[in-house]
Amino acid sequence: YDWDVVNEAFHEPFIFNKCGWDLLDSAHVWAHRADPEARLFINEYNVVSAGETDRLYKIVKGMLERKVPVHGVGFQSH
């Protein structure tokens, strides 16, 4: 299975602003513990057209450097 663990964190950051952005890492760790075989994704919209590509890249790169189980990035578009 594939899981969209975190969806629209950049554009709907209320929970992260209240609880801290380390919740992003924790959510992926918890999802991996619940289903170690699943592929885990972070999903965001308006990344390319709004120039948010570098921001998302840096966040995911940091997650990977911290050994957070993130296996892919979803780009929403219409």
N, C-alpha and C. Protein backbone atom coordinates (compact mmCIF):
# COMPACT_ATOMS: atom_id res chain seq x y z
N TYR A 1 0.82 -1.19 0.00
CA TYR A 1 0.00 0.00 0.00
C TYR A 1 0.86 1.25 0.00
N ASP A 2 0.29 2.32 -0.48
CA ASP A 2 0.89 3.65 -0.41
C ASP A 2 0.02 4.52 0.48
N TRP A 3 0.65 5.36 1.29
CA TRP A 3 -0.10 6.24 2.18
C TRP A 3 0.35 7.68 1.98
N ASP A 4 -0.62 8.56 1.83
CA ASP A 4 -0.39 10.00 1.83
C ASP A 4 -0.40 10.40 3.30
N VAL A 5 0.77 10.44 3.91
CA VAL A 5 0.87 10.64 5.35
C VAL A 5 0.59 12.10 5.73
N VAL A 6 1.19 13.01 5.00
CA VAL A 6 0.99 14.43 5.27
C VAL A 6 0.49 15.09 3.99
N ASN A 7 -0.63 15.78 4.09
CA ASN A 7 -1.25 16.40 2.93
C ASN A 7 -1.40 17.90 3.15
N GLU A 8 -0.86 18.66 2.22
CA GLU A 8 -1.03 20.12 2.19
C GLU A 8 -0.52 20.81 3.45
N ALA A 9 0.61 20.39 3.94
CA ALA A 9 1.19 21.00 5.15
C ALA A 9 1.60 22.46 4.92
N PHE A 10 2.06 22.79 3.72
CA PHE A 10 2.49 24.16 3.44
C PHE A 10 1.32 25.13 3.42
N HIS A 11 0.23 24.69 2.81
CA HIS A 11 -0.89 25.59 2.59
C HIS A 11 -1.96 25.50 3.67
N GLU A 12 -1.90 24.49 4.49
CA GLU A 12 -2.83 24.34 5.62
C GLU A 12 -2.01 24.00 6.87
N PRO A 13 -1.15 24.92 7.30
CA PRO A 13 -0.16 24.59 8.35
C PRO A 13 -0.65 24.74 9.79
N PHE A 14 -1.95 24.90 10.00
CA PHE A 14 -2.46 25.18 11.34
C PHE A 14 -1.92 24.21 12.39
N ILE A 15 -2.05 22.92 12.15
CA ILE A 15 -1.62 21.92 13.14
C ILE A 15 -0.12 21.97 13.37
N PHE A 16 0.65 22.23 12.31
CA PHE A 16 2.10 22.28 12.45
C PHE A 16 2.54 23.55 13.18
N ASN A 17 1.84 24.65 12.93
CA ASN A 17 2.15 25.88 13.65
C ASN A 17 1.83 25.76 15.14
N LYS A 18 0.82 24.97 15.48
CA LYS A 18 0.44 24.77 16.88
C LYS A 18 1.31 23.72 17.58
N CYS A 19 1.62 22.64 16.86
CA CYS A 19 2.31 21.49 17.47
C CYS A 19 3.79 21.42 17.14
N GLY A 20 4.23 22.20 16.17
CA GLY A 20 5.63 22.17 15.75
C GLY A 20 5.80 21.34 14.48
N TRP A 21 6.77 21.75 13.69
CA TRP A 21 6.99 21.09 12.40
C TRP A 21 7.64 19.71 12.55
N ASP A 22 8.13 19.37 13.73
CA ASP A 22 8.66 18.02 13.93
C ASP A 22 7.54 16.99 13.88
N LEU A 23 6.30 17.44 13.95
CA LEU A 23 5.15 16.54 13.77
C LEU A 23 5.18 15.89 12.39
N LEU A 24 5.74 16.58 11.42
CA LEU A 24 5.89 16.02 10.07
C LEU A 24 6.71 14.73 10.12
N ASP A 25 7.83 14.76 10.81
CA ASP A 25 8.66 13.57 10.97
C ASP A 25 7.92 12.50 11.77
N SER A 26 7.32 12.91 12.87
CA SER A 26 6.63 11.96 13.74
C SER A 26 5.51 11.23 13.02
N ALA A 27 4.76 11.94 12.21
CA ALA A 27 3.65 11.31 11.48
C ALA A 27 4.16 10.20 10.57
N HIS A 28 5.29 10.43 9.91
CA HIS A 28 5.86 9.40 9.03
C HIS A 28 6.39 8.22 9.84
N VAL A 29 7.01 8.50 10.96
CA VAL A 29 7.52 7.42 11.82
C VAL A 29 6.35 6.58 12.34
N TRP A 30 5.29 7.23 12.79
CA TRP A 30 4.12 6.49 13.30
C TRP A 30 3.48 5.65 12.20
N ALA A 31 3.38 6.23 11.00
CA ALA A 31 2.79 5.48 9.89
C ALA A 31 3.64 4.27 9.54
N HIS A 32 4.96 4.43 9.57
CA HIS A 32 5.86 3.32 9.27
C HIS A 32 5.74 2.21 10.32
N ARG A 33 5.61 2.60 11.56
CA ARG A 33 5.43 1.60 12.62
C ARG A 33 4.12 0.84 12.45
N ALA A 34 3.09 1.54 12.01
CA ALA A 34 1.78 0.91 11.82
C ALA A 34 1.77 -0.04 10.63
N ASP A 35 2.54 0.29 9.59
CA ASP A 35 2.58 -0.54 8.37
C ASP A 35 3.97 -0.44 7.75
N PRO A 36 4.92 -1.25 8.23
CA PRO A 36 6.30 -1.16 7.77
C PRO A 36 6.50 -1.43 6.28
N GLU A 37 5.54 -2.07 5.65
CA GLU A 37 5.67 -2.39 4.22
C GLU A 37 5.13 -1.29 3.31
N ALA A 38 4.40 -0.35 3.87
CA ALA A 38 3.77 0.70 3.06
C ALA A 38 4.79 1.72 2.58
N ARG A 39 4.52 2.30 1.43
CA ARG A 39 5.31 3.42 0.92
C ARG A 39 4.63 4.70 1.38
N LEU A 40 5.41 5.59 1.97
CA LEU A 40 4.86 6.78 2.61
C LEU A 40 5.20 8.04 1.82
N PHE A 41 4.19 8.88 1.63
CA PHE A 41 4.33 10.07 0.80
C PHE A 41 3.96 11.34 1.56
N ILE A 42 4.56 12.42 1.14
CA ILE A 42 4.13 13.76 1.52
C ILE A 42 3.52 14.36 0.26
N ASN A 43 2.38 15.01 0.40
CA ASN A 43 1.63 15.50 -0.76
C ASN A 43 1.38 16.99 -0.61
N GLU A 44 1.55 17.72 -1.71
CA GLU A 44 1.36 19.17 -1.66
C GLU A 44 0.85 19.68 -2.99
N TYR A 45 0.18 20.81 -2.95
CA TYR A 45 -0.30 21.44 -4.18
C TYR A 45 0.38 22.79 -4.38
N ASN A 46 0.31 23.28 -5.60
CA ASN A 46 0.83 24.60 -5.95
C ASN A 46 2.33 24.71 -5.70
N VAL A 47 3.03 23.62 -5.81
CA VAL A 47 4.47 23.60 -5.54
C VAL A 47 5.25 24.18 -6.71
N VAL A 48 4.96 23.72 -7.90
CA VAL A 48 5.72 24.15 -9.07
C VAL A 48 5.33 25.57 -9.48
N SER A 49 4.05 25.83 -9.62
CA SER A 49 3.62 27.13 -10.13
C SER A 49 3.85 28.27 -9.14
N ALA A 50 3.90 27.99 -7.87
CA ALA A 50 4.09 29.05 -6.86
C ALA A 50 5.54 29.16 -6.41
N GLY A 51 6.44 28.42 -7.03
CA GLY A 51 7.84 28.51 -6.67
C GLY A 51 8.19 27.89 -5.33
N GLU A 52 7.43 26.92 -4.90
CA GLU A 52 7.66 26.26 -3.62
C GLU A 52 8.52 25.00 -3.75
N THR A 53 9.04 24.76 -4.94
CA THR A 53 9.81 23.54 -5.19
C THR A 53 11.01 23.43 -4.26
N ASP A 54 11.78 24.50 -4.13
CA ASP A 54 12.97 24.47 -3.28
C ASP A 54 12.61 24.22 -1.82
N ARG A 55 11.54 24.83 -1.37
CA ARG A 55 11.11 24.64 0.02
C ARG A 55 10.75 23.18 0.28
N LEU A 56 9.98 22.60 -0.61
CA LEU A 56 9.59 21.19 -0.45
C LEU A 56 10.82 20.29 -0.53
N TYR A 57 11.70 20.57 -1.48
CA TYR A 57 12.93 19.78 -1.62
C TYR A 57 13.73 19.80 -0.32
N LYS A 58 13.91 20.97 0.26
CA LYS A 58 14.70 21.09 1.49
C LYS A 58 14.05 20.33 2.65
N ILE A 59 12.74 20.39 2.73
CA ILE A 59 12.04 19.68 3.81
C ILE A 59 12.21 18.17 3.65
N VAL A 60 11.98 17.66 2.44
CA VAL A 60 12.10 16.21 2.21
C VAL A 60 13.55 15.76 2.35
N LYS A 61 14.48 16.55 1.85
CA LYS A 61 15.90 16.21 2.00
C LYS A 61 16.27 16.11 3.48
N GLY A 62 15.80 17.05 4.27
CA GLY A 62 16.06 17.02 5.71
C GLY A 62 15.46 15.78 6.36
N MET A 63 14.25 15.44 5.94
CA MET A 63 13.61 14.24 6.47
C MET A 63 14.45 13.00 6.16
N LEU A 64 14.92 12.90 4.93
CA LEU A 64 15.73 11.75 4.54
C LEU A 64 17.05 11.72 5.30
N GLU A 65 17.65 12.88 5.50
CA GLU A 65 18.90 12.94 6.27
C GLU A 65 18.69 12.51 7.72
N ARG A 66 17.50 12.77 8.24
CA ARG A 66 17.18 12.36 9.62
C ARG A 66 16.66 10.93 9.67
N LYS A 67 16.70 10.24 8.54
CA LYS A 67 16.26 8.84 8.43
C LYS A 67 14.76 8.68 8.67
N VAL A 68 14.00 9.71 8.33
CA VAL A 68 12.54 9.63 8.41
C VAL A 68 12.05 8.82 7.22
N PRO A 69 11.16 7.87 7.43
CA PRO A 69 10.69 7.03 6.33
C PRO A 69 9.70 7.78 5.42
N VAL A 70 10.23 8.45 4.42
CA VAL A 70 9.41 9.08 3.39
C VAL A 70 9.90 8.51 2.06
N HIS A 71 8.97 8.01 1.27
CA HIS A 71 9.35 7.29 0.05
C HIS A 71 8.99 8.02 -1.23
N GLY A 72 8.26 9.11 -1.11
CA GLY A 72 7.89 9.83 -2.32
C GLY A 72 7.17 11.13 -2.01
N VAL A 73 7.02 11.92 -3.07
CA VAL A 73 6.36 13.21 -2.99
C VAL A 73 5.24 13.23 -4.01
N GLY A 74 4.07 13.67 -3.58
CA GLY A 74 2.94 13.82 -4.50
C GLY A 74 2.75 15.28 -4.85
N PHE A 75 2.53 15.55 -6.14
CA PHE A 75 2.27 16.91 -6.61
C PHE A 75 0.84 16.98 -7.12
N GLN A 76 -0.01 17.68 -6.41
CA GLN A 76 -1.39 17.82 -6.85
C GLN A 76 -1.47 18.83 -7.98
N SER A 77 -2.33 18.56 -8.94
CA SER A 77 -2.57 19.52 -10.02
C SER A 77 -3.95 19.26 -10.59
N HIS A 78 -4.47 20.23 -11.28
CA HIS A 78 -5.80 20.09 -11.87
C HIS A 78 -5.75 20.49 -13.33
